[in-house]
Amino acid sequence: MVHTREEMDTSTRMIKILHMRIIILGFVLLSGMGMTAAQQTFSVEEATHYALGHHLKMVNAELDVRSAEKKVRETLGIGLPHVSAEGQFQNFLKIPTTVVPAKAFDPRAPDDALAELKFGTNYKVNAGATLSQLVFNGSYLVGLQASKAFANTARIMKDKTMQEIRHDVSVAYYTVLMIQNNIGVIQEQRKLTEKLLSDTKILIDEGMMEKTGNKQLELTLLNFDDALTALKGQEETAKVLLKFNMGYPIEKEIILKDDLDAKALEIRALIPPENPSFANTPDMRLLANQAMLQSLNIKNVKAAYWPVVTAFLSYSSSAQRNKFDFFDKEGKWFPTSLWGVNLSIPIYNGGMNKAKMAQAKIARAKVDNNRALMGQAYQLRWSKAMAGFRQAVAAFDNKVKAVAIAEEVYHTSEVKYKEGMMSSIELDRATMQLVKAKSDLMMARYKLVQAQNELNYILDK
């Protein structure tokens, strides 16, 4: 089949158009992917999980744990074999002179005569190695336990950091939601007022209403605009704080997907425990660990009365020459080897250990007192948190009823206004009452969520 030039040109143009569409489609898809990558959507659980993996406080806490674990390894190394090597080269510019009685070499010499002798060579080299091993040291055994307790302190502090981050993220997250929902309330009521203003203009044009009603509604819209401007500024500030608490890039956009109303209803159905245990909270665990460290300190003072035993094995070789020919295979080297045991027994140190023991017992008593105080502080904080939770529940229930009443009043006022039975000022009052009731309900939801958040923080949940 033979194609004409026009058909071929048409086919070429169609191919080019198709190719261009593919390029444009690819660009759109890539742009969409870029926009998706530029912003992320988070639930409160996802935001918390992100913070625990990215916040620099958590990074530092993890580094502290790793450092403490290396400290345990360092302490363990004290009780393992130690090997050291050393070497020494000496060049005697002047060989030392030794003076001895001359009679030792010449019986005829006077009694007070001295003979000058030089012993040694111009060059001397020593090389050797020593192996030492700690056999017994009570302080080392206690120190090893203490280093492990120190590492546990770092782990507890990491848990404390996690507790604070979870709390801070939750507070910031629901603060943003509360502001966004308030913006929604104002926007919704503004739309209703705009529609009412439109209806009012029709009634004014038909001579059924005075123009003053129109002006009052316009003033209400301006008030709504001012409120929206302020709330949007608060929203941006709250988002920045949330990003900071998450360790999320400040310049990137973030979207929250949880629902404050649903969360408040979920919490409303919860019944917190009346007398929970606080033993597993980071603060109580930290004090328990401190008590363990003080007990180990007492053991360490006792260990100062115990003997210390070390063993060693040493080997060395030396060579003395008048010429620098230490690499000569024929030259002689003189070896020395020995092993031994060192025993150190403390007897009396002027009463220092007795004073240290008294200090250690006092420090342990203080930690026990601090644990008791911390337990009382937790009980007090829990009682206050429970009272706040009950108040938040009662306020939430009341605000739900208040919104229902305010909506009924507003709708009745709207009908009366349209029928000319109510002034625009009275309608504006009903409108503001409804907006305030909805805002109060939003704040009640927020306080209820934060009251539950406080309970979770105390229990480290």
Protein backbone atom coordinates (compact mmCIF):
# COMPACT_ATOMS: atom_id res chain seq x y z
CA MET A 1 0.00 0.00 0.00
CA VAL A 2 1.46 3.38 -1.03
CA HIS A 3 0.96 6.44 1.23
CA THR A 4 0.84 9.93 -0.16
CA ARG A 5 3.11 12.67 1.23
CA GLU A 6 0.07 14.40 2.83
CA GLU A 7 -0.87 11.19 4.67
CA MET A 8 2.70 10.76 5.87
CA ASP A 9 2.83 14.39 7.10
CA THR A 10 -0.47 13.92 8.94
CA SER A 11 0.79 10.74 10.61
CA THR A 12 3.98 12.51 11.67
CA ARG A 13 2.01 15.37 13.21
CA MET A 14 -0.21 12.92 15.12
CA ILE A 15 2.84 11.10 16.49
CA LYS A 16 4.36 14.41 17.61
CA ILE A 17 1.10 15.44 19.30
CA LEU A 18 0.87 12.06 21.08
CA HIS A 19 4.48 12.34 22.17
CA MET A 20 3.86 15.84 23.55
CA ARG A 21 0.81 14.63 25.48
CA ILE A 22 2.86 11.84 27.04
CA ILE A 23 5.49 14.38 28.10
CA ILE A 24 2.86 16.69 29.59
CA LEU A 25 1.19 13.77 31.40
CA GLY A 26 4.53 12.72 32.84
CA PHE A 27 5.22 16.25 34.00
CA VAL A 28 1.82 16.45 35.71
CA LEU A 29 2.39 13.13 37.46
CA LEU A 30 5.84 14.18 38.63
CA SER A 31 4.46 17.50 39.85
CA GLY A 32 1.77 15.67 41.77
CA MET A 33 4.36 13.38 43.32
CA GLY A 34 6.41 16.40 44.30
CA MET A 35 3.45 18.05 45.96
CA THR A 36 2.65 14.83 47.81
CA ALA A 37 6.23 14.57 48.98
CA ALA A 38 6.21 18.22 50.09
CA GLN A 39 3.41 17.70 52.60
CA GLN A 40 2.44 14.83 54.86
CA THR A 41 -0.74 13.84 56.65
CA PHE A 42 -0.52 12.73 60.29
CA SER A 43 -2.77 11.30 62.92
CA VAL A 44 -1.71 12.03 66.50
CA GLU A 45 -0.24 8.52 66.77
CA GLU A 46 1.69 8.98 63.53
CA ALA A 47 2.92 12.39 64.63
CA THR A 48 4.14 10.92 67.91
CA HIS A 49 5.85 8.03 66.14
CA TYR A 50 7.55 10.48 63.79
CA ALA A 51 8.74 12.60 66.73
CA LEU A 52 10.20 9.59 68.55
CA GLY A 53 12.27 8.84 65.47
CA HIS A 54 13.33 12.35 64.45
CA HIS A 55 13.41 14.74 67.40
CA LEU A 56 16.97 15.68 68.37
CA LYS A 57 16.15 15.09 72.05
CA MET A 58 15.54 11.42 71.20
CA VAL A 59 18.71 11.28 69.12
CA ASN A 60 20.72 12.59 72.08
CA ALA A 61 18.97 10.22 74.49
CA GLU A 62 19.91 7.27 72.27
CA LEU A 63 23.51 8.52 72.13
CA ASP A 64 23.55 8.71 75.94
CA VAL A 65 22.43 5.08 76.13
CA ARG A 66 25.14 3.99 73.72
CA SER A 67 27.75 5.98 75.66
CA ALA A 68 26.65 4.36 78.95
CA GLU A 69 26.87 0.89 77.38
CA LYS A 70 30.44 1.67 76.28
CA LYS A 71 31.17 2.78 79.86
CA VAL A 72 30.12 -0.69 81.05
CA ARG A 73 32.51 -2.20 78.54
CA GLU A 74 35.28 0.13 79.73
CA THR A 75 34.74 -0.92 83.36
CA LEU A 76 34.67 -4.59 82.36
CA GLY A 77 38.05 -4.12 80.70
CA ILE A 78 39.65 -3.31 84.05
CA GLY A 79 39.28 -6.94 85.13
CA LEU A 80 40.51 -8.45 81.86
CA PRO A 81 44.18 -9.26 81.09
CA HIS A 82 46.35 -6.26 80.26
CA VAL A 83 49.39 -6.56 78.03
CA SER A 84 51.95 -3.81 77.61
CA ALA A 85 55.24 -3.60 75.74
CA GLU A 86 58.10 -1.19 76.16
CA GLY A 87 61.49 -0.53 74.71
CA GLN A 88 64.41 1.70 75.60
CA PHE A 89 67.56 2.81 73.83
CA GLN A 90 70.45 4.45 75.70
CA ASN A 91 73.55 6.13 74.32
CA PHE A 92 76.06 6.91 77.10
CA LEU A 93 78.02 9.95 75.99
CA LYS A 94 79.97 9.55 79.22
CA ILE A 95 80.01 6.10 80.81
CA PRO A 96 79.31 6.46 84.55
CA THR A 97 82.34 6.15 86.86
CA THR A 98 82.23 4.10 90.03
CA VAL A 99 84.70 4.77 92.86
CA VAL A 100 85.84 1.79 95.01
CA PRO A 101 88.66 1.27 97.57
CA ALA A 102 91.96 0.70 95.77
CA LYS A 103 92.87 -2.14 98.14
CA ALA A 104 90.23 -4.28 96.45
CA PHE A 105 92.56 -4.49 93.46
CA ASP A 106 95.97 -3.68 95.00
CA PRO A 107 96.69 -4.83 98.59
CA ARG A 108 99.65 -2.47 98.71
CA ALA A 109 97.59 0.59 98.08
CA PRO A 110 97.08 3.06 100.92
CA ASP A 111 94.00 2.59 103.04
CA ASP A 112 92.39 5.80 101.87
CA ALA A 113 93.24 5.33 98.21
CA LEU A 114 90.36 5.06 95.73
CA ALA A 115 90.19 3.41 92.36
CA GLU A 116 88.03 4.81 89.55
CA LEU A 117 86.22 2.23 87.47
CA LYS A 118 83.90 2.48 84.49
CA PHE A 119 81.31 -0.24 83.97
CA GLY A 120 79.08 -0.53 80.97
CA THR A 121 79.09 0.02 77.26
CA ASN A 122 78.41 2.96 74.99
CA TYR A 123 75.05 1.64 73.84
CA LYS A 124 72.29 -0.27 75.59
CA VAL A 125 68.89 -1.51 74.40
CA ASN A 126 66.10 -2.99 76.52
CA ALA A 127 62.84 -4.50 75.18
CA GLY A 128 60.16 -6.38 77.01
CA ALA A 129 56.47 -7.16 77.58
CA THR A 130 54.33 -7.51 80.69
CA LEU A 131 51.08 -9.39 81.21
CA SER A 132 49.03 -8.40 84.25
CA GLN A 133 45.76 -9.79 85.54
CA LEU A 134 43.51 -8.55 88.32
CA VAL A 135 42.80 -11.57 90.52
CA PHE A 136 40.58 -9.99 93.15
CA ASN A 137 39.41 -6.47 93.89
CA GLY A 138 36.14 -5.88 95.72
CA SER A 139 35.82 -2.33 94.44
CA TYR A 140 36.09 -3.58 90.85
CA LEU A 141 33.21 -6.02 91.32
CA VAL A 142 31.05 -3.28 92.84
CA GLY A 143 32.11 -0.82 90.14
CA LEU A 144 31.03 -3.26 87.44
CA GLN A 145 27.56 -3.45 88.99
CA ALA A 146 27.47 0.33 89.32
CA SER A 147 28.36 0.83 85.65
CA LYS A 148 25.42 -1.37 84.67
CA ALA A 149 23.14 0.66 86.95
CA PHE A 150 24.53 3.81 85.33
CA ALA A 151 23.63 2.42 81.89
CA ASN A 152 20.14 1.69 83.20
CA THR A 153 19.89 5.33 84.28
CA ALA A 154 20.53 6.39 80.68
CA ARG A 155 17.77 4.04 79.47
CA ILE A 156 15.32 5.44 82.02
CA MET A 157 16.20 8.99 80.98
CA LYS A 158 15.50 7.96 77.39
CA ASP A 159 12.05 6.73 78.50
CA LYS A 160 11.55 10.06 80.31
CA THR A 161 12.38 11.90 77.10
CA MET A 162 9.87 9.75 75.21
CA GLN A 163 7.23 10.55 77.83
CA GLU A 164 7.79 14.29 77.44
CA ILE A 165 7.80 14.16 73.64
CA ARG A 166 4.54 12.18 73.52
CA HIS A 167 2.92 14.73 75.83
CA ASP A 168 4.24 17.78 73.96
CA VAL A 169 3.23 16.42 70.54
CA SER A 170 -0.28 15.55 71.74
CA VAL A 171 -0.81 19.00 73.29
CA ALA A 172 0.45 20.79 70.16
CA TYR A 173 -1.50 18.48 67.81
CA TYR A 174 -4.88 19.04 69.46
CA THR A 175 -4.19 22.76 69.83
CA VAL A 176 -3.92 23.00 66.05
CA LEU A 177 -7.11 20.94 65.65
CA MET A 178 -8.99 23.16 68.10
CA ILE A 179 -7.99 26.32 66.22
CA GLN A 180 -8.85 24.75 62.86
CA ASN A 181 -12.27 23.71 64.13
CA ASN A 182 -12.89 27.22 65.45
CA ILE A 183 -12.02 28.54 62.00
CA GLY A 184 -14.59 26.11 60.61
CA VAL A 185 -17.24 27.39 63.02
CA ILE A 186 -16.62 31.02 62.02
CA GLN A 187 -16.56 30.16 58.30
CA GLU A 188 -19.81 28.21 58.55
CA GLN A 189 -21.57 30.99 60.42
CA ARG A 190 -20.17 33.56 58.01
CA LYS A 191 -21.74 31.69 55.08
CA LEU A 192 -25.09 31.68 56.87
CA THR A 193 -24.78 35.40 57.53
CA GLU A 194 -23.86 36.05 53.89
CA LYS A 195 -26.93 34.17 52.75
CA LEU A 196 -29.04 36.07 55.24
CA LEU A 197 -27.56 39.33 53.96
CA SER A 198 -28.47 38.35 50.41
CA ASP A 199 -32.02 37.54 51.48
CA THR A 200 -32.19 40.82 53.38
CA LYS A 201 -31.20 42.82 50.29
CA ILE A 202 -34.09 41.23 48.40
CA LEU A 203 -36.50 42.18 51.19
CA ILE A 204 -35.12 45.74 51.22
CA ASP A 205 -35.50 46.03 47.45
CA GLU A 206 -39.12 44.91 47.80
CA GLY A 207 -39.69 47.52 50.52
CA MET A 208 -40.40 44.92 53.17
CA MET A 209 -37.41 45.83 55.42
CA GLU A 210 -35.38 48.90 56.37
CA LYS A 211 -31.79 49.38 55.23
CA THR A 212 -30.47 49.45 58.80
CA GLY A 213 -30.79 45.65 59.00
CA ASN A 214 -28.49 45.34 56.02
CA LYS A 215 -25.77 47.45 57.68
CA GLN A 216 -25.84 45.41 60.89
CA LEU A 217 -25.28 42.19 58.94
CA GLU A 218 -22.41 43.78 57.04
CA LEU A 219 -20.82 44.74 60.37
CA THR A 220 -21.22 41.16 61.57
CA LEU A 221 -19.40 39.90 58.46
CA LEU A 222 -16.54 42.31 59.14
CA ASN A 223 -16.28 40.98 62.70
CA PHE A 224 -16.17 37.44 61.33
CA ASP A 225 -13.36 38.44 58.94
CA ASP A 226 -11.32 39.90 61.80
CA ALA A 227 -11.81 36.73 63.83
CA LEU A 228 -10.75 34.53 60.90
CA THR A 229 -7.61 36.59 60.35
CA ALA A 230 -6.63 36.23 64.00
CA LEU A 231 -7.40 32.49 64.09
CA LYS A 232 -5.42 31.77 60.94
CA GLY A 233 -2.42 33.53 62.47
CA GLN A 234 -2.82 31.39 65.59
CA GLU A 235 -3.08 28.29 63.41
CA GLU A 236 0.25 29.01 61.72
CA THR A 237 1.96 29.60 65.07
CA ALA A 238 0.48 26.39 66.53
CA LYS A 239 1.60 24.41 63.47
CA VAL A 240 5.15 25.68 63.83
CA LEU A 241 5.16 24.55 67.46
CA LEU A 242 3.82 21.13 66.46
CA LYS A 243 6.50 20.72 63.80
CA PHE A 244 9.16 21.71 66.32
CA ASN A 245 7.88 19.17 68.86
CA MET A 246 7.87 16.51 66.13
CA GLY A 247 11.31 17.31 64.77
CA TYR A 248 9.55 17.95 61.44
CA PRO A 249 11.00 20.45 58.93
CA ILE A 250 9.45 23.85 59.69
CA GLU A 251 9.33 24.86 56.01
CA LYS A 252 7.24 21.82 54.97
CA GLU A 253 3.46 21.74 55.04
CA ILE A 254 1.66 19.37 57.40
CA ILE A 255 -1.94 18.15 57.43
CA LEU A 256 -3.76 16.74 60.47
CA LYS A 257 -6.32 14.03 59.89
CA ASP A 258 -7.73 13.32 63.37
CA ASP A 259 -11.16 14.58 64.41
CA LEU A 260 -11.35 16.49 67.68
CA ASP A 261 -15.07 15.80 68.12
CA ALA A 262 -14.62 12.03 67.66
CA LYS A 263 -11.66 12.01 70.05
CA ALA A 264 -13.65 13.90 72.70
CA LEU A 265 -16.55 11.46 72.42
CA GLU A 266 -14.13 8.55 72.72
CA ILE A 267 -12.56 9.99 75.86
CA ARG A 268 -15.99 10.85 77.30
CA ALA A 269 -16.74 7.12 77.43
CA LEU A 270 -13.52 6.27 79.31
CA ILE A 271 -13.34 5.61 83.06
CA PRO A 272 -9.81 6.32 84.39
CA PRO A 273 -8.51 4.17 87.29
CA GLU A 274 -8.97 5.63 90.75
CA ASN A 275 -5.80 4.31 92.44
CA PRO A 276 -3.21 3.41 89.80
CA SER A 277 0.36 2.35 90.48
CA PHE A 278 3.13 4.81 89.64
CA ALA A 279 6.03 2.40 90.14
CA ASN A 280 6.71 2.06 86.41
CA THR A 281 6.83 5.77 85.66
CA PRO A 282 10.28 7.07 84.64
CA ASP A 283 10.59 9.32 87.71
CA MET A 284 9.90 6.47 90.16
CA ARG A 285 12.16 4.07 88.24
CA LEU A 286 14.92 6.69 88.24
CA LEU A 287 14.74 7.04 92.03
CA ALA A 288 14.70 3.26 92.44
CA ASN A 289 17.83 3.09 90.32
CA GLN A 290 19.44 5.83 92.44
CA ALA A 291 18.65 3.79 95.55
CA MET A 292 20.44 0.83 93.96
CA LEU A 293 23.46 3.03 93.18
CA GLN A 294 23.59 4.23 96.79
CA SER A 295 23.45 0.62 98.01
CA LEU A 296 26.35 -0.19 95.72
CA ASN A 297 28.19 2.81 97.11
CA ILE A 298 27.83 1.32 100.60
CA LYS A 299 29.20 -1.99 99.30
CA ASN A 300 32.08 -0.14 97.64
CA VAL A 301 33.06 1.47 100.96
CA LYS A 302 33.01 -1.97 102.59
CA ALA A 303 35.13 -3.33 99.75
CA ALA A 304 37.87 -0.85 100.68
CA TYR A 305 38.65 -3.14 103.66
CA TRP A 306 39.23 -6.14 101.39
CA PRO A 307 42.63 -7.12 99.96
CA VAL A 308 43.59 -6.52 96.34
CA VAL A 309 45.39 -9.31 94.49
CA THR A 310 47.06 -8.97 91.08
CA ALA A 311 49.30 -11.35 89.14
CA PHE A 312 51.89 -10.50 86.51
CA LEU A 313 54.23 -12.13 84.01
CA SER A 314 57.15 -10.22 82.53
CA TYR A 315 59.72 -10.98 79.87
CA SER A 316 62.51 -8.68 78.69
CA SER A 317 65.79 -8.81 76.82
CA SER A 318 68.72 -6.41 76.77
CA ALA A 319 71.88 -5.87 74.80
CA GLN A 320 74.99 -3.80 75.56
CA ARG A 321 77.38 -2.82 72.77
CA ASN A 322 80.25 -0.44 72.18
CA LYS A 323 79.14 -0.18 68.59
CA PHE A 324 75.67 0.42 67.24
CA ASP A 325 75.24 -3.09 65.81
CA PHE A 326 72.06 -4.23 67.47
CA PHE A 327 70.81 -5.68 64.17
CA ASP A 328 73.77 -8.02 63.96
CA LYS A 329 72.46 -11.57 64.26
CA GLU A 330 75.67 -12.66 65.97
CA GLY A 331 75.27 -10.13 68.77
CA LYS A 332 74.16 -11.42 72.16
CA TRP A 333 70.92 -10.52 73.88
CA PHE A 334 70.44 -11.30 77.57
CA PRO A 335 66.88 -12.34 78.47
CA THR A 336 65.07 -11.90 81.79
CA SER A 337 61.68 -13.38 82.69
CA LEU A 338 59.69 -13.50 85.91
CA TRP A 339 56.19 -13.82 87.28
CA GLY A 340 54.72 -12.85 90.59
CA VAL A 341 51.74 -11.91 92.69
CA ASN A 342 51.02 -8.59 94.38
CA LEU A 343 48.95 -8.54 97.55
CA SER A 344 47.75 -5.29 99.10
CA ILE A 345 45.94 -5.38 102.44
CA PRO A 346 44.50 -2.12 103.85
CA ILE A 347 44.95 -1.87 107.60
CA TYR A 348 44.24 1.66 108.81
CA ASN A 349 43.64 4.91 106.96
CA GLY A 350 42.87 7.33 109.76
CA GLY A 351 39.12 6.59 109.93
CA MET A 352 38.42 7.72 106.36
CA ASN A 353 36.44 4.59 105.47
CA LYS A 354 34.26 4.91 108.57
CA ALA A 355 33.38 8.49 107.60
CA LYS A 356 32.70 7.43 104.00
CA MET A 357 30.37 4.68 105.22
CA ALA A 358 28.38 7.17 107.30
CA GLN A 359 28.06 9.49 104.30
CA ALA A 360 26.94 6.64 102.04
CA LYS A 361 24.22 5.57 104.49
CA ILE A 362 22.99 9.16 104.79
CA ALA A 363 22.83 9.46 100.98
CA ARG A 364 20.83 6.22 100.81
CA ALA A 365 18.40 7.51 103.46
CA LYS A 366 17.90 10.72 101.46
CA VAL A 367 17.08 8.73 98.32
CA ASP A 368 14.52 6.68 100.26
CA ASN A 369 12.94 9.91 101.50
CA ASN A 370 12.87 11.31 97.96
CA ARG A 371 11.12 8.16 96.75
CA ALA A 372 8.44 8.60 99.41
CA LEU A 373 8.06 12.29 98.50
CA MET A 374 7.82 11.44 94.80
CA GLY A 375 5.09 8.89 95.53
CA GLN A 376 3.12 11.52 97.46
CA ALA A 377 3.65 14.06 94.65
CA TYR A 378 2.29 11.58 92.12
CA GLN A 379 -0.76 10.91 94.28
CA LEU A 380 -1.40 14.65 94.56
CA ARG A 381 -0.93 15.25 90.85
CA TRP A 382 -3.21 12.32 90.00
CA SER A 383 -5.92 13.63 92.33
CA LYS A 384 -5.74 17.06 90.68
CA ALA A 385 -5.73 15.49 87.21
CA MET A 386 -8.77 13.36 88.04
CA ALA A 387 -10.61 16.41 89.36
CA GLY A 388 -9.72 18.27 86.17
CA PHE A 389 -10.92 15.33 84.08
CA ARG A 390 -14.27 15.20 85.86
CA GLN A 391 -14.68 18.97 85.43
CA ALA A 392 -13.81 18.66 81.74
CA VAL A 393 -16.44 15.92 81.29
CA ALA A 394 -19.11 18.01 83.04
CA ALA A 395 -18.18 21.11 81.03
CA PHE A 396 -18.28 19.11 77.79
CA ASP A 397 -21.78 17.79 78.55
CA ASN A 398 -23.01 21.30 79.41
CA LYS A 399 -21.53 22.84 76.27
CA VAL A 400 -23.21 20.22 74.09
CA LYS A 401 -26.56 21.23 75.59
CA ALA A 402 -25.70 24.91 75.25
CA VAL A 403 -25.02 24.54 71.51
CA ALA A 404 -28.38 22.81 71.02
CA ILE A 405 -30.15 25.65 72.83
CA ALA A 406 -28.20 28.35 70.96
CA GLU A 407 -29.01 26.75 67.61
CA GLU A 408 -32.71 26.65 68.47
CA VAL A 409 -32.63 30.32 69.54
CA TYR A 410 -30.75 31.33 66.38
CA HIS A 411 -33.11 29.54 64.00
CA THR A 412 -36.13 31.04 65.77
CA SER A 413 -34.54 34.49 65.60
CA GLU A 414 -33.73 34.05 61.91
CA VAL A 415 -37.36 33.26 61.11
CA LYS A 416 -38.59 36.22 63.15
CA TYR A 417 -36.06 38.52 61.47
CA LYS A 418 -37.20 37.51 58.01
CA GLU A 419 -40.79 38.09 59.05
CA GLY A 420 -39.93 41.56 60.36
CA MET A 421 -40.67 40.61 63.98
CA MET A 422 -37.07 41.06 65.20
CA SER A 423 -34.40 43.69 64.67
CA SER A 424 -31.03 42.96 63.11
CA ILE A 425 -29.34 43.83 66.41
CA GLU A 426 -31.31 41.10 68.18
CA LEU A 427 -30.49 38.68 65.39
CA ASP A 428 -26.80 39.62 65.68
CA ARG A 429 -26.95 38.88 69.40
CA ALA A 430 -28.41 35.43 68.68
CA THR A 431 -25.74 34.86 66.03
CA MET A 432 -22.93 35.75 68.42
CA GLN A 433 -24.46 33.54 71.09
CA LEU A 434 -24.41 30.60 68.69
CA VAL A 435 -20.84 31.28 67.60
CA LYS A 436 -19.74 31.57 71.22
CA ALA A 437 -21.58 28.38 72.18
CA LYS A 438 -19.89 26.46 69.37
CA SER A 439 -16.49 27.94 70.24
CA ASP A 440 -17.05 27.07 73.89
CA LEU A 441 -17.92 23.51 72.89
CA MET A 442 -14.75 23.35 70.82
CA MET A 443 -12.74 24.54 73.83
CA ALA A 444 -14.53 22.00 76.04
CA ARG A 445 -13.54 19.22 73.64
CA TYR A 446 -9.96 20.47 73.68
CA LYS A 447 -9.85 20.64 77.49
CA LEU A 448 -11.32 17.15 77.74
CA VAL A 449 -8.64 15.78 75.43
CA GLN A 450 -5.92 17.62 77.35
CA ALA A 451 -7.29 16.35 80.66
CA GLN A 452 -6.96 12.80 79.35
CA ASN A 453 -3.52 13.70 78.01
CA GLU A 454 -2.46 14.76 81.52
CA LEU A 455 -3.63 11.42 82.95
CA ASN A 456 -1.70 9.56 80.24
CA TYR A 457 1.41 11.63 80.95
CA ILE A 458 1.32 10.82 84.67
CA LEU A 459 0.98 7.08 83.94
CA ASP A 460 3.50 7.27 81.05
CA LYS A 461 1.01 5.87 78.55
